[in-house]
Protein backbone atom coordinates (compact mmCIF):
# COMPACT_ATOMS: atom_id res chain seq x y z
CA UNK A 1 1.44 37.60 -24.84
CA UNK A 2 -1.40 39.19 -22.53
CA UNK A 3 -1.96 38.43 -18.85
CA UNK A 4 -5.36 37.14 -19.58
CA UNK A 5 -3.78 34.42 -21.80
CA UNK A 6 -1.22 33.52 -19.44
CA UNK A 7 -4.07 33.09 -16.62
CA UNK A 8 -6.06 30.69 -18.94
CA UNK A 9 -2.82 28.75 -19.73
CA UNK A 10 -1.91 28.32 -16.13
CA UNK A 11 -5.47 27.31 -15.32
CA UNK A 12 -5.57 24.72 -17.93
CA UNK A 13 -2.19 23.42 -16.78
CA UNK A 14 -3.39 22.86 -13.37
CA UNK A 15 -6.71 21.38 -14.53
CA UNK A 16 -8.61 23.97 -12.43
CA UNK A 17 -11.63 25.33 -14.12
CA UNK A 18 -11.48 28.98 -13.06
CA UNK A 19 -14.66 30.03 -15.08
CA UNK A 20 -17.00 27.71 -13.32
CA UNK A 21 -15.80 29.14 -9.76
CA UNK A 22 -16.37 32.82 -11.00
CA UNK A 23 -19.85 31.98 -12.62
CA UNK A 24 -20.97 30.11 -9.49
CA UNK A 25 -21.27 33.49 -7.56
CA UNK A 26 -20.86 31.75 -4.28
CA UNK A 27 -18.15 31.48 -1.70
CA UNK A 28 -14.97 30.21 -3.04
CA UNK A 29 -14.48 26.54 -2.14
CA UNK A 30 -11.27 25.56 -0.33
CA UNK A 31 -9.53 24.38 -3.33
CA UNK A 32 -10.23 27.43 -5.44
CA UNK A 33 -7.50 28.85 -7.61
CA UNK A 34 -5.23 31.12 -5.72
CA UNK A 35 -5.49 34.16 -7.82
CA UNK A 36 -2.89 36.33 -6.13
CA UNK A 37 -0.34 33.58 -6.62
CA UNK A 38 -1.16 32.96 -10.16
CA UNK A 39 -0.86 36.76 -10.82
CA UNK A 40 2.64 36.72 -9.11
CA UNK A 41 3.72 33.89 -11.37
CA UNK A 42 2.65 35.65 -14.33
CA UNK A 43 4.58 38.67 -13.33
CA UNK A 44 7.67 36.54 -12.84
CA UNK A 45 7.31 35.08 -16.17
CA UNK A 46 6.71 38.42 -17.89
CA UNK A 47 9.96 39.89 -16.18
CA UNK A 48 11.96 36.71 -17.12
CA UNK A 49 10.82 37.06 -20.80
CA UNK A 50 11.62 40.93 -20.96
CA UNK A 51 15.05 41.03 -18.81
CA UNK A 52 16.69 37.61 -18.85
CA UNK A 53 20.08 37.73 -20.51
CA UNK A 54 19.02 34.78 -23.20
CA UNK A 55 15.68 34.70 -24.97
CA UNK A 56 13.47 31.98 -23.72
CA UNK A 57 10.35 30.70 -25.25
CA UNK A 58 6.89 30.40 -23.59
CA UNK A 59 7.17 26.64 -23.78
CA UNK A 60 10.74 26.55 -22.27
CA UNK A 61 9.48 28.74 -19.19
CA UNK A 62 6.35 26.79 -18.70
CA UNK A 63 8.64 23.52 -18.70
CA UNK A 64 11.14 25.04 -16.22
CA UNK A 65 7.94 25.82 -13.91
CA UNK A 66 6.80 22.41 -14.17
CA UNK A 67 10.21 20.82 -13.47
CA UNK A 68 10.75 23.25 -10.44
CA UNK A 69 7.11 22.44 -9.06
CA UNK A 70 7.90 18.69 -9.10
CA UNK A 71 11.45 18.80 -7.90
CA UNK A 72 10.71 21.09 -4.98
CA UNK A 73 8.23 18.49 -3.42
CA UNK A 74 11.05 16.02 -2.51
CA UNK A 75 14.15 14.48 -3.92
CA UNK A 76 12.31 11.74 -5.86
CA UNK A 77 9.44 13.40 -7.65
CA UNK A 78 10.09 14.65 -11.11
CA UNK A 79 8.79 15.48 -14.46
CA UNK A 80 9.56 13.03 -17.37
CA UNK A 81 9.74 14.43 -20.85
CA UNK A 82 8.61 12.02 -23.63
CA UNK A 83 12.31 10.85 -24.04
CA UNK A 84 12.85 10.53 -20.44
CA UNK A 85 9.74 8.53 -20.17
CA UNK A 86 10.67 6.07 -22.83
CA UNK A 87 14.17 5.61 -21.27
CA UNK A 88 12.51 5.11 -17.69
CA UNK A 89 10.25 2.37 -19.29
CA UNK A 90 13.16 0.64 -20.77
CA UNK A 91 15.04 0.67 -17.65
CA UNK A 92 12.21 -0.44 -15.54
CA UNK A 93 11.47 -3.35 -18.14
CA UNK A 94 15.15 -4.51 -17.81
CA UNK A 95 14.99 -4.32 -13.82
CA UNK A 96 11.70 -6.49 -14.09
CA UNK A 97 13.61 -9.31 -16.08
CA UNK A 98 16.97 -9.01 -14.13
CA UNK A 99 18.27 -11.57 -11.79
CA UNK A 100 19.66 -10.87 -8.34
CA UNK A 101 23.21 -11.14 -7.18
CA UNK A 102 23.24 -12.88 -3.66
CA UNK A 103 25.97 -14.85 -2.41
CA UNK A 104 26.03 -17.36 0.49
CA UNK A 105 28.60 -19.12 2.89
CA UNK A 106 29.06 -20.89 6.03
CA UNK A 107 31.02 -19.08 8.64
CA UNK A 108 32.60 -20.58 11.78
CA UNK A 109 30.34 -22.06 14.48
CA UNK A 110 27.84 -23.10 11.68
CA UNK A 111 26.62 -19.69 11.14
CA UNK A 112 24.94 -19.24 7.67
CA UNK A 113 25.64 -15.91 5.80
CA UNK A 114 23.81 -14.49 2.89
CA UNK A 115 24.77 -11.04 1.37
CA UNK A 116 22.05 -9.52 -0.61
CA UNK A 117 23.18 -6.80 -3.04
CA UNK A 118 19.84 -5.62 -4.15
CA UNK A 119 16.36 -6.72 -4.45
CA UNK A 120 15.47 -8.17 -8.00
CA UNK A 121 12.42 -10.28 -9.17
CA UNK A 122 14.34 -13.39 -8.47
CA UNK A 123 15.85 -12.43 -5.05
CA UNK A 124 13.44 -14.31 -2.78
CA UNK A 125 13.58 -17.41 -4.76
CA UNK A 126 17.37 -17.27 -4.67
CA UNK A 127 17.51 -16.62 -0.89
CA UNK A 128 15.06 -19.44 -0.35
CA UNK A 129 17.15 -21.72 -2.38
CA UNK A 130 20.28 -20.61 -0.55
CA UNK A 131 18.66 -20.98 3.03
CA UNK A 132 17.51 -24.56 2.19
CA UNK A 133 20.99 -25.44 1.23
CA UNK A 134 22.46 -23.96 4.31
CA UNK A 135 20.04 -25.73 6.40
CA UNK A 136 21.07 -28.90 4.65
CA UNK A 137 24.70 -28.09 5.72
CA UNK A 138 23.39 -28.02 9.45
CA UNK A 139 23.72 -24.34 10.15
CA UNK A 140 22.63 -23.15 13.54
CA UNK A 141 21.99 -19.55 12.96
CA UNK A 142 21.82 -17.22 10.01
CA UNK A 143 23.01 -13.62 8.92
CA UNK A 144 21.20 -11.57 6.31
CA UNK A 145 23.75 -8.78 5.24
CA UNK A 146 21.78 -5.91 3.66
CA UNK A 147 24.73 -3.42 4.22
CA UNK A 148 25.16 -1.01 1.15
CA UNK A 149 21.94 -2.45 -0.37
CA UNK A 150 20.12 0.39 -1.98
CA UNK A 151 16.84 -1.17 -2.46
CA UNK A 152 15.02 -2.44 -5.36
CA UNK A 153 11.68 -4.08 -6.07
CA UNK A 154 9.15 -3.78 -3.10
CA UNK A 155 7.39 -6.88 -3.89
CA UNK A 156 10.81 -8.66 -3.77
CA UNK A 157 11.49 -7.52 -0.31
CA UNK A 158 7.98 -8.48 0.82
CA UNK A 159 8.48 -11.97 -0.72
CA UNK A 160 11.82 -12.22 1.27
CA UNK A 161 10.40 -11.20 4.58
CA UNK A 162 7.51 -13.68 3.99
CA UNK A 163 10.28 -16.47 4.07
CA UNK A 164 10.93 -15.70 7.55
CA UNK A 165 7.57 -14.59 8.96
CA UNK A 166 4.46 -16.59 9.37
CA UNK A 167 1.88 -14.14 9.95
CA UNK A 168 1.12 -10.23 10.47
CA UNK A 169 1.98 -7.11 8.68
CA UNK A 170 5.26 -6.88 6.74
CA UNK A 171 4.89 -3.24 5.61
CA UNK A 172 2.13 -0.75 5.13
CA UNK A 173 1.90 2.18 2.41
CA UNK A 174 0.07 5.21 3.36
CA UNK A 175 -0.87 8.05 1.11
CA UNK A 176 -3.71 10.62 0.48
CA UNK A 177 -5.69 8.79 -2.13
CA UNK A 178 -7.29 5.39 -1.51
CA UNK A 179 -5.35 3.45 -4.06
CA UNK A 180 -2.04 4.64 -2.39
CA UNK A 181 -2.96 2.83 0.69
CA UNK A 182 -1.81 -0.76 0.92
CA UNK A 183 -1.17 -3.48 3.62
CA UNK A 184 1.12 -6.37 2.96
CA UNK A 185 0.94 -9.29 5.33
CA UNK A 186 2.93 -12.47 5.80
CA UNK A 187 1.66 -15.96 4.81
CA UNK A 188 2.00 -19.39 6.68
CA UNK A 189 4.80 -20.81 4.72
CA UNK A 190 8.22 -19.98 6.26
CA UNK A 191 11.73 -21.41 6.41
CA UNK A 192 14.32 -21.37 8.94
CA UNK A 193 11.82 -20.64 11.55
CA UNK A 194 13.66 -22.10 14.70
CA UNK A 195 17.23 -20.81 14.31
CA UNK A 196 18.33 -17.24 15.50
CA UNK A 197 18.87 -14.57 12.87
CA UNK A 198 20.74 -11.32 12.51
CA UNK A 199 20.26 -8.52 9.94
CA UNK A 200 23.38 -6.45 9.27
CA UNK A 201 22.64 -2.71 8.22
CA UNK A 202 24.54 0.42 7.65
CA UNK A 203 23.80 3.92 6.38
CA UNK A 204 23.60 2.84 2.98
CA UNK A 205 20.90 0.16 3.52
CA UNK A 206 17.82 1.93 1.93
CA UNK A 207 14.23 1.45 0.68
CA UNK A 208 13.35 -2.31 0.10
CA UNK A 209 16.39 -3.23 2.37
CA UNK A 210 14.78 -1.07 5.20
CA UNK A 211 11.42 -2.74 4.83
CA UNK A 212 13.05 -6.21 5.07
CA UNK A 213 14.90 -5.20 8.09
CA UNK A 214 11.94 -3.39 9.71
CA UNK A 215 9.64 -6.21 9.38
CA UNK A 216 12.06 -8.78 10.73
CA UNK A 217 12.89 -6.31 13.72
CA UNK A 218 9.41 -5.50 14.72
CA UNK A 219 8.05 -9.22 14.66
CA UNK A 220 11.48 -9.80 16.76
CA UNK A 221 12.39 -12.61 14.18
CA UNK A 222 15.84 -11.02 13.77
CA UNK A 223 18.32 -8.86 15.72
CA UNK A 224 19.47 -5.78 13.70
CA UNK A 225 23.23 -4.85 14.02
CA UNK A 226 25.11 -2.18 12.53
CA UNK A 227 24.32 1.44 12.13
CA UNK A 228 21.24 3.34 11.44
CA UNK A 229 19.84 2.76 7.93
CA UNK A 230 19.41 5.61 5.29
CA UNK A 231 15.83 6.34 5.73
CA UNK A 232 14.36 6.11 2.38
CA UNK A 233 10.75 5.14 2.85
CA UNK A 234 8.53 6.65 0.16
CA UNK A 235 6.75 5.09 -2.89
CA UNK A 236 6.94 6.85 -6.21
CA UNK A 237 4.00 6.30 -8.73
CA UNK A 238 4.43 6.91 -12.56
CA UNK A 239 1.33 8.99 -13.76
CA UNK A 240 0.95 9.65 -17.36
CA UNK A 241 0.25 13.11 -18.73
CA UNK A 242 -1.26 13.97 -22.21
CA UNK A 243 2.33 14.34 -23.43
CA UNK A 244 4.72 12.56 -21.11
CA UNK A 245 4.47 11.61 -17.30
CA UNK A 246 5.40 12.37 -13.75
CA UNK A 247 7.03 10.25 -11.20
CA UNK A 248 5.48 11.50 -7.87
CA UNK A 249 5.68 10.46 -4.46
CA UNK A 250 2.18 8.92 -3.44
CA UNK A 251 2.91 6.71 -0.36
CA UNK A 252 4.99 6.38 2.86
CA UNK A 253 6.37 3.15 4.09
CA UNK A 254 5.22 2.16 7.64
CA UNK A 255 6.92 -0.60 9.54
CA UNK A 256 4.61 -3.35 11.01
CA UNK A 257 4.53 -1.36 14.34
CA UNK A 258 3.66 1.82 12.55
CA UNK A 259 7.19 3.45 12.55
CA UNK A 260 7.69 5.84 9.66
CA UNK A 261 10.97 4.79 7.83
CA UNK A 262 11.42 7.82 5.68
CA UNK A 263 14.01 10.29 7.12
CA UNK A 264 14.35 8.20 10.14
CA UNK A 265 15.97 4.88 8.96
CA UNK A 266 16.04 1.73 11.20
CA UNK A 267 17.85 1.96 14.50
CA UNK A 268 19.69 -1.27 15.11
CA UNK A 269 19.16 -3.27 18.13
CA UNK A 270 23.00 -3.26 18.68
CA UNK A 271 24.70 -0.29 17.46
CA UNK A 272 28.07 -1.13 15.93
CA UNK A 273 30.35 0.84 13.73
CA UNK A 274 32.19 -0.88 10.85
CA UNK A 275 35.55 -0.88 12.33
CA UNK A 276 36.59 -0.20 15.97
CA UNK A 277 38.56 -3.37 16.72
CA UNK A 278 42.17 -2.60 17.91
CA UNK A 279 43.77 -5.67 16.67
CA UNK A 280 43.41 -5.15 12.98
CA UNK A 281 42.48 -2.17 10.76
CA UNK A 282 40.45 -4.15 8.31
CA UNK A 283 38.37 -6.14 10.54
CA UNK A 284 34.61 -6.30 9.94
CA UNK A 285 33.52 -5.35 13.21
CA UNK A 286 29.88 -5.61 12.34
CA UNK A 287 30.12 -9.09 11.14
CA UNK A 288 32.20 -10.24 14.08
CA UNK A 289 29.53 -8.58 16.49
CA UNK A 290 26.97 -10.53 14.69
CA UNK A 291 28.81 -13.72 14.88
CA UNK A 292 29.54 -13.33 18.72
CA UNK A 293 25.87 -12.52 19.28
CA UNK A 294 24.77 -15.55 17.51
CA UNK A 295 27.39 -17.93 19.08
CA UNK A 296 26.12 -16.77 22.47
CA UNK A 297 22.46 -17.06 21.53
CA UNK A 298 22.79 -20.47 20.11
CA UNK A 299 24.82 -21.57 23.12
CA UNK A 300 22.02 -20.29 25.61
CA UNK A 301 19.49 -21.94 23.37
CA UNK A 302 21.18 -25.27 23.53
CA UNK A 303 21.36 -25.13 27.26
CA UNK A 304 17.61 -24.42 27.45
CA UNK A 305 17.98 -20.87 28.80
CA UNK A 306 16.10 -19.29 25.97
CA UNK A 307 13.64 -20.65 23.50
């Protein structure tokens, strides 16, 4: 296989028309093909084909290059082969039809408690129902527990935040192309708008869980207690190729105040490790801190010291 053939193949692979640039006989535009780097790439391919201990086909080596190119961008971008793409679509379809796993209860001092395991299509509806039931049972405050919540669907997190916010930005998505930029805002219908709230987070609270947490924190609707969250604040888009597809990061999440979530996480208003109580090894110190804070806040509210 000649170097010229490799050069044309790589040019086609990257969808850049080299011949048009060369025939224009003008200064190279800013995004012209990097000839020196392409030549180095070809040299490496030829050396692998000639010297690697096991014989590799041209198709295999190009596939390796594509995989490496995407995986080197970040931990979420990747190439999907035809089989992987079909599996990805089946999983996505299954998630779209799944129902959440939330649980609710009433703690001492009439504190409502809702544990959100992940964000599924039905999560916001389930939370709304649970909150309304808790309100009918005369709760005075509410805890949303998203500890160890890995995320889930963005729209579900937005709908959940909208339950507790009557206006303003919930989350923004910022990317390089126009369609990657989005602003999601709260509507006027809210529930539990007059009771104190806490959101419990830890290092395993990620993605959609962080979006909900950041929105309630920035709008001062809830006090965040626990440890800094994971910091997964990117959006991946599925883009189809002629043969398969790529999953590639196209946007970053920003909180209502403009904070970047990715690699930063959400810093709690009150930092509290999980277990630091002296009286018992198994006590949930974060939950107890939330309960103590809500008890104090509702008492101050009842005495007219705070609104």
